[in-house]
Amino acid sequence: MILDEYPKEVNLRDGSKVILRPVVKEDEEALYQFFKGLSKEDRLYLRDDVANRDVIRGWMENLDYEKVLPILAFDGDKVVADATLHRNPHGWMRHVGEIRMSVAGSHRGRGLARIVAAEIFQQAVGLGLDKLVAEMLTIQNNAQRVFTRLGFVQEAILKDHGMDAKGKKHDLIIMSNDVTTLWENWTDYAESVSGTWHMED
């Protein structure tokens, strides 16, 4: 993993800056406030009950970057995005990682999703992963658009495979992309825009 590069300051599309770094145990309150600040609709379709402080505390008490690497984006002392790379370094899917992302409403439309995704891509490349997957409910149209713009393609739909916080079942979409191609496309795009992969148009 390329963790010695953090913390890292990056520019958003509007010229504002955020700091990226891996989560540490002391981020429990800031991360809880971030998830609490998401809209009820956003929280409804997340796979964990992030409004429950015990869930966040459990994450902090069981940090293991080898299995789950969370990268946070900070605006001042506030978390404004969370992107995680999930993997099993020893199983038969050890060449595959899963990416999950959440961005604060106040920072959407400013290129932050692309930036935190790029951090996950970079880590995936460094770990030698071949493939990244993303899972979302069919009702999560914004998430589908984000990952499509990032180059992910739909591989499968599993009927009634997800259940939201209210107990309603939804079809689950599985999207994927080749890590090397994903990273090459990202760097080519970013360099053509700004000369650095930390920025986007």
C-alpha atoms as a PDB file:
ATOM      1  CA  MET A   1       0.000   0.000   0.000  1.00  0.00           C
ATOM      2  CA  ILE A   2       1.114   3.538  -0.720  1.00  0.00           C
ATOM      3  CA  LEU A   3       0.267   5.009   2.673  1.00  0.00           C
ATOM      4  CA  ASP A   4       3.396   7.095   3.202  1.00  0.00           C
ATOM      5  CA  GLU A   5       2.080   9.671   0.699  1.00  0.00           C
ATOM      6  CA  TYR A   6      -0.608  10.841   3.114  1.00  0.00           C
ATOM      7  CA  PRO A   7      -1.871  13.289   4.168  1.00  0.00           C
ATOM      8  CA  LYS A   8      -2.358  14.647   0.662  1.00  0.00           C
ATOM      9  CA  GLU A   9      -3.847  18.018  -0.321  1.00  0.00           C
ATOM     10  CA  VAL A  10      -5.872  18.029  -3.550  1.00  0.00           C
ATOM     11  CA  ASN A  11      -7.824  20.612  -5.507  1.00  0.00           C
ATOM     12  CA  LEU A  12     -11.508  20.298  -6.325  1.00  0.00           C
ATOM     13  CA  ARG A  13     -13.055  21.523  -9.532  1.00  0.00           C
ATOM     14  CA  ASP A  14     -14.006  24.904  -8.012  1.00  0.00           C
ATOM     15  CA  GLY A  15     -10.472  25.529  -6.711  1.00  0.00           C
ATOM     16  CA  SER A  16     -11.206  24.613  -3.099  1.00  0.00           C
ATOM     17  CA  LYS A  17      -8.964  22.106  -1.361  1.00  0.00           C
ATOM     18  CA  VAL A  18      -9.467  18.974   0.716  1.00  0.00           C
ATOM     19  CA  ILE A  19      -7.062  16.728   2.608  1.00  0.00           C
ATOM     20  CA  LEU A  20      -6.996  12.998   1.924  1.00  0.00           C
ATOM     21  CA  ARG A  21      -5.693  10.402   4.346  1.00  0.00           C
ATOM     22  CA  PRO A  22      -6.512   6.937   5.707  1.00  0.00           C
ATOM     23  CA  VAL A  23      -8.916   6.769   8.629  1.00  0.00           C
ATOM     24  CA  VAL A  24      -7.541   6.399  12.156  1.00  0.00           C
ATOM     25  CA  LYS A  25      -9.346   5.527  15.381  1.00  0.00           C
ATOM     26  CA  GLU A  26      -9.473   9.172  16.431  1.00  0.00           C
ATOM     27  CA  ASP A  27     -11.737   9.892  13.429  1.00  0.00           C
ATOM     28  CA  GLU A  28     -14.694   8.099  14.991  1.00  0.00           C
ATOM     29  CA  GLU A  29     -16.676  11.239  15.853  1.00  0.00           C
ATOM     30  CA  ALA A  30     -15.897  13.036  12.589  1.00  0.00           C
ATOM     31  CA  LEU A  31     -16.892   9.967  10.561  1.00  0.00           C
ATOM     32  CA  TYR A  32     -20.080   9.530  12.569  1.00  0.00           C
ATOM     33  CA  GLN A  33     -21.010  13.173  11.968  1.00  0.00           C
ATOM     34  CA  PHE A  34     -20.312  12.747   8.255  1.00  0.00           C
ATOM     35  CA  PHE A  35     -22.681   9.817   7.909  1.00  0.00           C
ATOM     36  CA  LYS A  36     -25.235  11.464  10.184  1.00  0.00           C
ATOM     37  CA  GLY A  37     -25.149  14.470   7.851  1.00  0.00           C
ATOM     38  CA  LEU A  38     -26.073  12.440   4.777  1.00  0.00           C
ATOM     39  CA  SER A  39     -29.679  12.674   3.685  1.00  0.00           C
ATOM     40  CA  LYS A  40     -32.121  10.072   4.969  1.00  0.00           C
ATOM     41  CA  GLU A  41     -32.470   8.784   1.416  1.00  0.00           C
ATOM     42  CA  ASP A  42     -28.706   8.316   1.089  1.00  0.00           C
ATOM     43  CA  ARG A  43     -28.498   6.480   4.402  1.00  0.00           C
ATOM     44  CA  LEU A  44     -31.514   4.340   3.542  1.00  0.00           C
ATOM     45  CA  TYR A  45     -29.622   2.532   0.803  1.00  0.00           C
ATOM     46  CA  LEU A  46     -26.225   2.117   2.452  1.00  0.00           C
ATOM     47  CA  ARG A  47     -25.432  -1.457   3.378  1.00  0.00           C
ATOM     48  CA  ASP A  48     -24.656  -0.621   7.032  1.00  0.00           C
ATOM     49  CA  ASP A  49     -26.679   1.337   9.600  1.00  0.00           C
ATOM     50  CA  VAL A  50     -24.270   4.268   9.625  1.00  0.00           C
ATOM     51  CA  ALA A  51     -26.597   6.345  11.815  1.00  0.00           C
ATOM     52  CA  ASN A  52     -25.808   3.904  14.618  1.00  0.00           C
ATOM     53  CA  ARG A  53     -22.735   5.129  16.493  1.00  0.00           C
ATOM     54  CA  ASP A  54     -21.924   1.568  17.564  1.00  0.00           C
ATOM     55  CA  VAL A  55     -21.442   0.612  13.905  1.00  0.00           C
ATOM     56  CA  ILE A  56     -18.861   3.365  13.418  1.00  0.00           C
ATOM     57  CA  ARG A  57     -17.162   2.486  16.709  1.00  0.00           C
ATOM     58  CA  GLY A  58     -16.958  -1.142  15.620  1.00  0.00           C
ATOM     59  CA  TRP A  59     -15.155  -0.080  12.439  1.00  0.00           C
ATOM     60  CA  MET A  60     -12.668   1.989  14.423  1.00  0.00           C
ATOM     61  CA  GLU A  61     -11.981  -0.809  16.895  1.00  0.00           C
ATOM     62  CA  ASN A  62     -11.317  -3.316  14.129  1.00  0.00           C
ATOM     63  CA  LEU A  63      -9.238  -1.309  11.666  1.00  0.00           C
ATOM     64  CA  ASP A  64      -7.285  -3.594   9.347  1.00  0.00           C
ATOM     65  CA  TYR A  65      -5.916  -1.846   6.259  1.00  0.00           C
ATOM     66  CA  GLU A  66      -5.084  -5.225   4.718  1.00  0.00           C
ATOM     67  CA  LYS A  67      -8.793  -6.057   4.503  1.00  0.00           C
ATOM     68  CA  VAL A  68     -10.510  -2.662   4.426  1.00  0.00           C
ATOM     69  CA  LEU A  69      -8.675   0.558   3.561  1.00  0.00           C
ATOM     70  CA  PRO A  70     -10.848   3.650   4.169  1.00  0.00           C
ATOM     71  CA  ILE A  71      -9.637   6.946   2.677  1.00  0.00           C
ATOM     72  CA  LEU A  72     -11.294  10.073   4.082  1.00  0.00           C
ATOM     73  CA  ALA A  73     -11.504  13.549   2.548  1.00  0.00           C
ATOM     74  CA  PHE A  74     -11.437  16.415   5.038  1.00  0.00           C
ATOM     75  CA  ASP A  75     -12.568  20.009   4.557  1.00  0.00           C
ATOM     76  CA  GLY A  76     -11.058  21.546   7.667  1.00  0.00           C
ATOM     77  CA  ASP A  77     -11.943  19.173  10.485  1.00  0.00           C
ATOM     78  CA  LYS A  78     -15.054  17.799   8.737  1.00  0.00           C
ATOM     79  CA  VAL A  79     -15.162  14.572   6.768  1.00  0.00           C
ATOM     80  CA  VAL A  80     -16.723  15.268   3.361  1.00  0.00           C
ATOM     81  CA  ALA A  81     -16.112  11.927   1.631  1.00  0.00           C
ATOM     82  CA  ASP A  82     -15.369   8.323   2.498  1.00  0.00           C
ATOM     83  CA  ALA A  83     -14.003   5.811  -0.013  1.00  0.00           C
ATOM     84  CA  THR A  84     -13.030   2.279   0.952  1.00  0.00           C
ATOM     85  CA  LEU A  85     -11.203  -0.578  -0.719  1.00  0.00           C
ATOM     86  CA  HIS A  86     -12.381  -3.987   0.499  1.00  0.00           C
ATOM     87  CA  ARG A  87     -10.451  -7.156  -0.256  1.00  0.00           C
ATOM     88  CA  ASN A  88      -9.532 -10.620   0.981  1.00  0.00           C
ATOM     89  CA  PRO A  89      -5.729 -10.825   0.630  1.00  0.00           C
ATOM     90  CA  HIS A  90      -5.644 -14.602   1.084  1.00  0.00           C
ATOM     91  CA  GLY A  91      -8.821 -15.967  -0.507  1.00  0.00           C
ATOM     92  CA  TRP A  92      -9.643 -17.143  -4.013  1.00  0.00           C
ATOM     93  CA  MET A  93     -10.783 -13.588  -4.843  1.00  0.00           C
ATOM     94  CA  ARG A  94      -7.524 -12.023  -3.648  1.00  0.00           C
ATOM     95  CA  HIS A  95      -7.042 -10.414  -7.086  1.00  0.00           C
ATOM     96  CA  VAL A  96     -10.385  -8.567  -6.758  1.00  0.00           C
ATOM     97  CA  GLY A  97     -11.212  -5.502  -4.683  1.00  0.00           C
ATOM     98  CA  GLU A  98     -14.514  -3.800  -3.952  1.00  0.00           C
ATOM     99  CA  ILE A  99     -14.873  -0.029  -3.930  1.00  0.00           C
ATOM    100  CA  ARG A 100     -17.480   1.836  -1.880  1.00  0.00           C
ATOM    101  CA  MET A 101     -17.921   5.606  -1.769  1.00  0.00           C
ATOM    102  CA  SER A 102     -20.023   8.264  -0.061  1.00  0.00           C
ATOM    103  CA  VAL A 103     -19.724  12.014  -0.649  1.00  0.00           C
ATOM    104  CA  ALA A 104     -21.327  14.785   1.406  1.00  0.00           C
ATOM    105  CA  GLY A 105     -24.112  16.631  -0.375  1.00  0.00           C
ATOM    106  CA  SER A 106     -22.232  19.907   0.086  1.00  0.00           C
ATOM    107  CA  HIS A 107     -19.311  18.589  -1.968  1.00  0.00           C
ATOM    108  CA  ARG A 108     -21.058  16.837  -4.833  1.00  0.00           C
ATOM    109  CA  GLY A 109     -20.622  18.148  -8.346  1.00  0.00           C
ATOM    110  CA  ARG A 110     -17.122  19.388  -7.508  1.00  0.00           C
ATOM    111  CA  GLY A 111     -15.064  16.446  -8.717  1.00  0.00           C
ATOM    112  CA  LEU A 112     -14.568  14.889  -5.290  1.00  0.00           C
ATOM    113  CA  ALA A 113     -16.020  11.501  -6.233  1.00  0.00           C
ATOM    114  CA  ARG A 114     -13.475  11.181  -9.043  1.00  0.00           C
ATOM    115  CA  ILE A 115     -10.642  12.202  -6.743  1.00  0.00           C
ATOM    116  CA  VAL A 116     -11.386   9.751  -3.938  1.00  0.00           C
ATOM    117  CA  ALA A 117     -12.017   7.037  -6.523  1.00  0.00           C
ATOM    118  CA  ALA A 118      -8.566   7.756  -7.964  1.00  0.00           C
ATOM    119  CA  GLU A 119      -7.050   7.173  -4.528  1.00  0.00           C
ATOM    120  CA  ILE A 120      -8.687   3.762  -4.398  1.00  0.00           C
ATOM    121  CA  PHE A 121      -7.499   2.990  -7.950  1.00  0.00           C
ATOM    122  CA  GLN A 122      -3.948   3.930  -6.961  1.00  0.00           C
ATOM    123  CA  GLN A 123      -4.041   1.659  -3.932  1.00  0.00           C
ATOM    124  CA  ALA A 124      -5.502  -1.177  -6.014  1.00  0.00           C
ATOM    125  CA  VAL A 125      -2.669  -0.836  -8.531  1.00  0.00           C
ATOM    126  CA  GLY A 126      -0.096  -0.831  -5.726  1.00  0.00           C
ATOM    127  CA  LEU A 127      -1.616  -3.991  -4.254  1.00  0.00           C
ATOM    128  CA  GLY A 128      -1.516  -5.792  -7.584  1.00  0.00           C
ATOM    129  CA  LEU A 129      -5.283  -6.187  -7.848  1.00  0.00           C
ATOM    130  CA  ASP A 130      -6.656  -7.056 -11.277  1.00  0.00           C
ATOM    131  CA  LYS A 131     -10.277  -6.079 -10.912  1.00  0.00           C
ATOM    132  CA  LEU A 132     -12.500  -3.681  -8.976  1.00  0.00           C
ATOM    133  CA  VAL A 133     -16.200  -4.220  -8.398  1.00  0.00           C
ATOM    134  CA  ALA A 134     -18.912  -1.924  -7.100  1.00  0.00           C
ATOM    135  CA  GLU A 135     -22.308  -3.028  -5.841  1.00  0.00           C
ATOM    136  CA  MET A 136     -25.406  -0.867  -5.570  1.00  0.00           C
ATOM    137  CA  LEU A 137     -29.174  -1.168  -5.558  1.00  0.00           C
ATOM    138  CA  THR A 138     -30.977  -0.521  -8.829  1.00  0.00           C
ATOM    139  CA  ILE A 139     -32.727   2.423  -7.211  1.00  0.00           C
ATOM    140  CA  GLN A 140     -29.378   4.186  -6.626  1.00  0.00           C
ATOM    141  CA  ASN A 141     -29.333   5.985  -9.951  1.00  0.00           C
ATOM    142  CA  ASN A 142     -26.753   8.586  -8.945  1.00  0.00           C
ATOM    143  CA  ALA A 143     -24.296   5.888  -7.864  1.00  0.00           C
ATOM    144  CA  GLN A 144     -24.788   4.093 -11.178  1.00  0.00           C
ATOM    145  CA  ARG A 145     -24.049   7.288 -13.098  1.00  0.00           C
ATOM    146  CA  VAL A 146     -20.918   7.990 -11.057  1.00  0.00           C
ATOM    147  CA  PHE A 147     -19.436   4.548 -11.583  1.00  0.00           C
ATOM    148  CA  THR A 148     -20.399   4.518 -15.270  1.00  0.00           C
ATOM    149  CA  ARG A 149     -18.509   7.796 -15.729  1.00  0.00           C
ATOM    150  CA  LEU A 150     -15.552   6.176 -13.955  1.00  0.00           C
ATOM    151  CA  GLY A 151     -15.531   3.428 -16.580  1.00  0.00           C
ATOM    152  CA  PHE A 152     -17.334   0.641 -14.728  1.00  0.00           C
ATOM    153  CA  VAL A 153     -19.690  -1.622 -16.673  1.00  0.00           C
ATOM    154  CA  GLN A 154     -22.618  -3.695 -15.471  1.00  0.00           C
ATOM    155  CA  GLU A 155     -21.862  -7.387 -15.069  1.00  0.00           C
ATOM    156  CA  ALA A 156     -24.951  -8.735 -13.342  1.00  0.00           C
ATOM    157  CA  ILE A 157     -28.250  -7.959 -11.647  1.00  0.00           C
ATOM    158  CA  LEU A 158     -29.274 -10.108  -8.694  1.00  0.00           C
ATOM    159  CA  LYS A 159     -33.015 -10.076  -8.086  1.00  0.00           C
ATOM    160  CA  ASP A 160     -34.182  -9.016  -4.601  1.00  0.00           C
ATOM    161  CA  HIS A 161     -30.600  -9.381  -3.374  1.00  0.00           C
ATOM    162  CA  GLY A 162     -30.503  -6.158  -1.332  1.00  0.00           C
ATOM    163  CA  MET A 163     -32.708  -4.916   1.467  1.00  0.00           C
ATOM    164  CA  ASP A 164     -32.847  -1.257   2.496  1.00  0.00           C
ATOM    165  CA  ALA A 165     -33.080   0.079   6.048  1.00  0.00           C
ATOM    166  CA  LYS A 166     -36.883  -0.103   5.902  1.00  0.00           C
ATOM    167  CA  GLY A 167     -36.833  -3.779   4.977  1.00  0.00           C
ATOM    168  CA  LYS A 168     -37.804  -3.299   1.318  1.00  0.00           C
ATOM    169  CA  LYS A 169     -36.064  -5.613  -1.140  1.00  0.00           C
ATOM    170  CA  HIS A 170     -34.291  -4.291  -4.236  1.00  0.00           C
ATOM    171  CA  ASP A 171     -32.370  -5.745  -7.149  1.00  0.00           C
ATOM    172  CA  LEU A 172     -28.598  -5.472  -6.764  1.00  0.00           C
ATOM    173  CA  ILE A 173     -26.354  -4.307  -9.610  1.00  0.00           C
ATOM    174  CA  ILE A 174     -22.763  -5.530  -9.815  1.00  0.00           C
ATOM    175  CA  MET A 175     -20.437  -3.312 -11.861  1.00  0.00           C
ATOM    176  CA  SER A 176     -16.763  -3.905 -12.538  1.00  0.00           C
ATOM    177  CA  ASN A 177     -13.670  -2.697 -14.338  1.00  0.00           C
ATOM    178  CA  ASP A 178     -10.135  -3.876 -15.003  1.00  0.00           C
ATOM    179  CA  VAL A 179      -7.816  -2.068 -12.579  1.00  0.00           C
ATOM    180  CA  THR A 180      -4.963  -1.410 -15.013  1.00  0.00           C
ATOM    181  CA  THR A 181      -7.273  -0.100 -17.737  1.00  0.00           C
ATOM    182  CA  LEU A 182      -9.209   1.921 -15.183  1.00  0.00           C
ATOM    183  CA  TRP A 183      -6.046   3.543 -13.851  1.00  0.00           C
ATOM    184  CA  GLU A 184      -4.592   4.216 -17.316  1.00  0.00           C
ATOM    185  CA  ASN A 185      -7.834   5.792 -18.518  1.00  0.00           C
ATOM    186  CA  TRP A 186      -8.013   7.909 -15.386  1.00  0.00           C
ATOM    187  CA  THR A 187      -4.452   9.222 -15.600  1.00  0.00           C
ATOM    188  CA  ASP A 188      -4.745   9.908 -19.330  1.00  0.00           C
ATOM    189  CA  TYR A 189      -7.933  11.857 -18.717  1.00  0.00           C
ATOM    190  CA  ALA A 190      -6.640  13.817 -15.750  1.00  0.00           C
ATOM    191  CA  GLU A 191      -3.292  14.679 -17.324  1.00  0.00           C
ATOM    192  CA  SER A 192      -5.020  15.917 -20.476  1.00  0.00           C
ATOM    193  CA  VAL A 193      -7.089  18.269 -18.330  1.00  0.00           C
ATOM    194  CA  SER A 194      -4.663  19.557 -15.734  1.00  0.00           C
ATOM    195  CA  GLY A 195      -1.288  17.890 -15.953  1.00  0.00           C
ATOM    196  CA  THR A 196      -1.874  16.055 -12.700  1.00  0.00           C
ATOM    197  CA  TRP A 197      -4.168  13.174 -11.789  1.00  0.00           C
ATOM    198  CA  HIS A 198      -5.145  14.946  -8.558  1.00  0.00           C
ATOM    199  CA  MET A 199      -7.393  17.372 -10.436  1.00  0.00           C
ATOM    200  CA  GLU A 200     -10.269  17.172 -12.870  1.00  0.00           C
ATOM    201  CA  ASP A 201     -12.105  19.600 -15.123  1.00  0.00           C
END
